C-alpha atoms as a PDB file:
ATOM      1  CA  MET A   1      21.401   4.206 -24.450  1.00  0.00           C
ATOM      2  CA  LYS A   2      18.932   1.080 -24.079  1.00  0.00           C
ATOM      3  CA  ILE A   3      19.979  -1.718 -26.078  1.00  0.00           C
ATOM      4  CA  ASN A   4      23.106  -1.528 -23.807  1.00  0.00           C
ATOM      5  CA  GLN A   5      20.097  -1.635 -21.375  1.00  0.00           C
ATOM      6  CA  GLU A   6      19.143  -4.578 -21.407  1.00  0.00           C
ATOM      7  CA  ALA A   7      22.657  -6.753 -22.029  1.00  0.00           C
ATOM      8  CA  GLU A   8      23.443  -5.400 -18.985  1.00  0.00           C
ATOM      9  CA  ARG A   9      20.056  -6.239 -17.366  1.00  0.00           C
ATOM     10  CA  LEU A  10      20.877  -9.844 -18.926  1.00  0.00           C
ATOM     11  CA  GLN A  11      24.337 -10.306 -17.703  1.00  0.00           C
ATOM     12  CA  TYR A  12      22.765  -9.185 -13.928  1.00  0.00           C
ATOM     13  CA  LEU A  13      20.158 -12.142 -14.861  1.00  0.00           C
ATOM     14  CA  VAL A  14      23.286 -14.586 -15.624  1.00  0.00           C
ATOM     15  CA  GLU A  15      24.915 -13.755 -12.394  1.00  0.00           C
ATOM     16  CA  LEU A  16      22.329 -14.805  -9.869  1.00  0.00           C
ATOM     17  CA  LEU A  17      21.426 -17.690 -12.230  1.00  0.00           C
ATOM     18  CA  GLN A  18      24.889 -19.370 -12.267  1.00  0.00           C
ATOM     19  CA  GLU A  19      25.451 -18.457  -8.381  1.00  0.00           C
ATOM     20  CA  GLN A  20      21.813 -19.893  -7.362  1.00  0.00           C
ATOM     21  CA  ARG A  21      21.378 -16.463  -5.117  1.00  0.00           C
ATOM     22  CA  THR A  22      17.915 -15.527  -7.471  1.00  0.00           C
ATOM     23  CA  GLY A  23      14.818 -16.515  -4.730  1.00  0.00           C
ATOM     24  CA  ALA A  24      11.118 -17.138  -6.501  1.00  0.00           C
ATOM     25  CA  ALA A  25      10.477 -15.719  -9.996  1.00  0.00           C
ATOM     26  CA  ALA A  26       8.578 -12.529  -8.173  1.00  0.00           C
ATOM     27  CA  GLN A  27      11.384 -11.990  -6.595  1.00  0.00           C
ATOM     28  CA  LEU A  28      14.020 -12.226  -9.390  1.00  0.00           C
ATOM     29  CA  ALA A  29      11.570 -10.157 -11.713  1.00  0.00           C
ATOM     30  CA  GLN A  30      11.864  -7.379  -9.051  1.00  0.00           C
ATOM     31  CA  ARG A  31      15.851  -7.429  -8.379  1.00  0.00           C
ATOM     32  CA  VAL A  32      16.324  -8.027 -12.301  1.00  0.00           C
ATOM     33  CA  GLY A  33      14.442  -4.952 -13.186  1.00  0.00           C
ATOM     34  CA  ILE A  34      11.717  -6.328 -15.467  1.00  0.00           C
ATOM     35  CA  SER A  35       8.618  -7.937 -14.727  1.00  0.00           C
ATOM     36  CA  ARG A  36       7.509 -11.342 -13.902  1.00  0.00           C
ATOM     37  CA  SER A  37       6.124 -12.387 -17.991  1.00  0.00           C
ATOM     38  CA  LYS A  38       9.061 -10.236 -19.401  1.00  0.00           C
ATOM     39  CA  LEU A  39      11.017 -13.101 -16.169  1.00  0.00           C
ATOM     40  CA  PHE A  40       9.581 -16.074 -18.319  1.00  0.00           C
ATOM     41  CA  GLU A  41      10.469 -15.057 -21.307  1.00  0.00           C
ATOM     42  CA  LEU A  42      13.860 -14.337 -21.122  1.00  0.00           C
ATOM     43  CA  LEU A  43      14.244 -17.598 -19.103  1.00  0.00           C
ATOM     44  CA  GLU A  44      12.646 -19.399 -22.227  1.00  0.00           C
ATOM     45  CA  GLU A  45      14.658 -17.452 -24.244  1.00  0.00           C
ATOM     46  CA  LEU A  46      17.920 -18.334 -23.061  1.00  0.00           C
ATOM     47  CA  LYS A  47      16.609 -22.285 -22.966  1.00  0.00           C
ATOM     48  CA  GLY A  48      16.064 -22.337 -26.832  1.00  0.00           C
ATOM     49  CA  ALA A  49      19.796 -20.603 -27.257  1.00  0.00           C
ATOM     50  CA  GLY A  50      20.917 -23.931 -25.161  1.00  0.00           C
ATOM     51  CA  ALA A  51      21.065 -22.782 -21.640  1.00  0.00           C
ATOM     52  CA  LYS A  52      19.441 -25.786 -19.168  1.00  0.00           C
ATOM     53  CA  ILE A  53      17.575 -24.181 -16.312  1.00  0.00           C
ATOM     54  CA  GLU A  54      16.329 -25.345 -13.656  1.00  0.00           C
ATOM     55  CA  TYR A  55      13.923 -24.432 -10.599  1.00  0.00           C
ATOM     56  CA  ASN A  56      15.653 -25.690  -6.972  1.00  0.00           C
ATOM     57  CA  ARG A  57      13.196 -26.445  -4.206  1.00  0.00           C
ATOM     58  CA  GLN A  58      15.477 -26.683  -1.427  1.00  0.00           C
ATOM     59  CA  LYS A  59      18.236 -23.503  -2.617  1.00  0.00           C
ATOM     60  CA  ASN A  60      14.919 -21.121  -3.854  1.00  0.00           C
ATOM     61  CA  SER A  61      16.343 -20.397  -7.191  1.00  0.00           C
ATOM     62  CA  TYR A  62      16.558 -20.617 -10.883  1.00  0.00           C
ATOM     63  CA  CYS A  63      20.559 -22.791 -11.697  1.00  0.00           C
ATOM     64  CA  LEU A  64      22.041 -23.737 -14.125  1.00  0.00           C
ATOM     65  CA  ALA A  65      22.887 -26.919 -15.002  1.00  0.00           C
ATOM     66  CA  ARG A  66      26.291 -27.748 -14.174  1.00  0.00           C
ATOM     67  CA  GLY A  67      28.705 -27.722 -16.840  1.00  0.00           C
ATOM     68  CA  CYS A  68      26.127 -24.480 -18.435  1.00  0.00           C
ATOM     69  CA  ARG A  69      27.773 -21.395 -18.614  1.00  0.00           C
ATOM     70  CA  ILE A  70      26.078 -18.682 -20.237  1.00  0.00           C
ATOM     71  CA  ASN A  71      28.708 -15.202 -21.930  1.00  0.00           C
ATOM     72  CA  VAL A  72      26.847 -12.150 -22.256  1.00  0.00           C
ATOM     73  CA  ASN A  73      29.339  -9.722 -23.783  1.00  0.00           C
ATOM     74  CA  GLN A  74      28.767  -5.718 -23.051  1.00  0.00           C
ATOM     75  CA  PRO A  75      28.502  -3.008 -24.049  1.00  0.00           C
ATOM     76  CA  ILE A  76      26.986  -4.029 -27.631  1.00  0.00           C
ATOM     77  CA  THR A  77      28.964  -2.182 -29.985  1.00  0.00           C
ATOM     78  CA  ILE A  78      28.300  -1.699 -34.175  1.00  0.00           C
ATOM     79  CA  GLU A  79      31.882  -0.973 -36.325  1.00  0.00           C
ATOM     80  CA  GLN A  80      31.071  -0.114 -39.868  1.00  0.00           C
ATOM     81  CA  VAL A  81      33.384  -2.087 -42.198  1.00  0.00           C
ATOM     82  CA  VAL A  82      34.624  -1.070 -45.057  1.00  0.00           C
END
């Protein structure tokens, strides 16, 4: 299912952000399996949701600010409530 595949990619992106081992944008996009422009869209969406994400030149990595956590729950399931 495509929606779960997207959730897996987002989860992997979040793991790399939390571990501060993303590399530069092109490298990160390739690791996650998305285009560079899609990567920037995802980063902006996460920022819009309140995540504090910055690029650290010394670490050559995008990083989450101290005290910031992102939770991605998967697999995505649909329940019919009657």
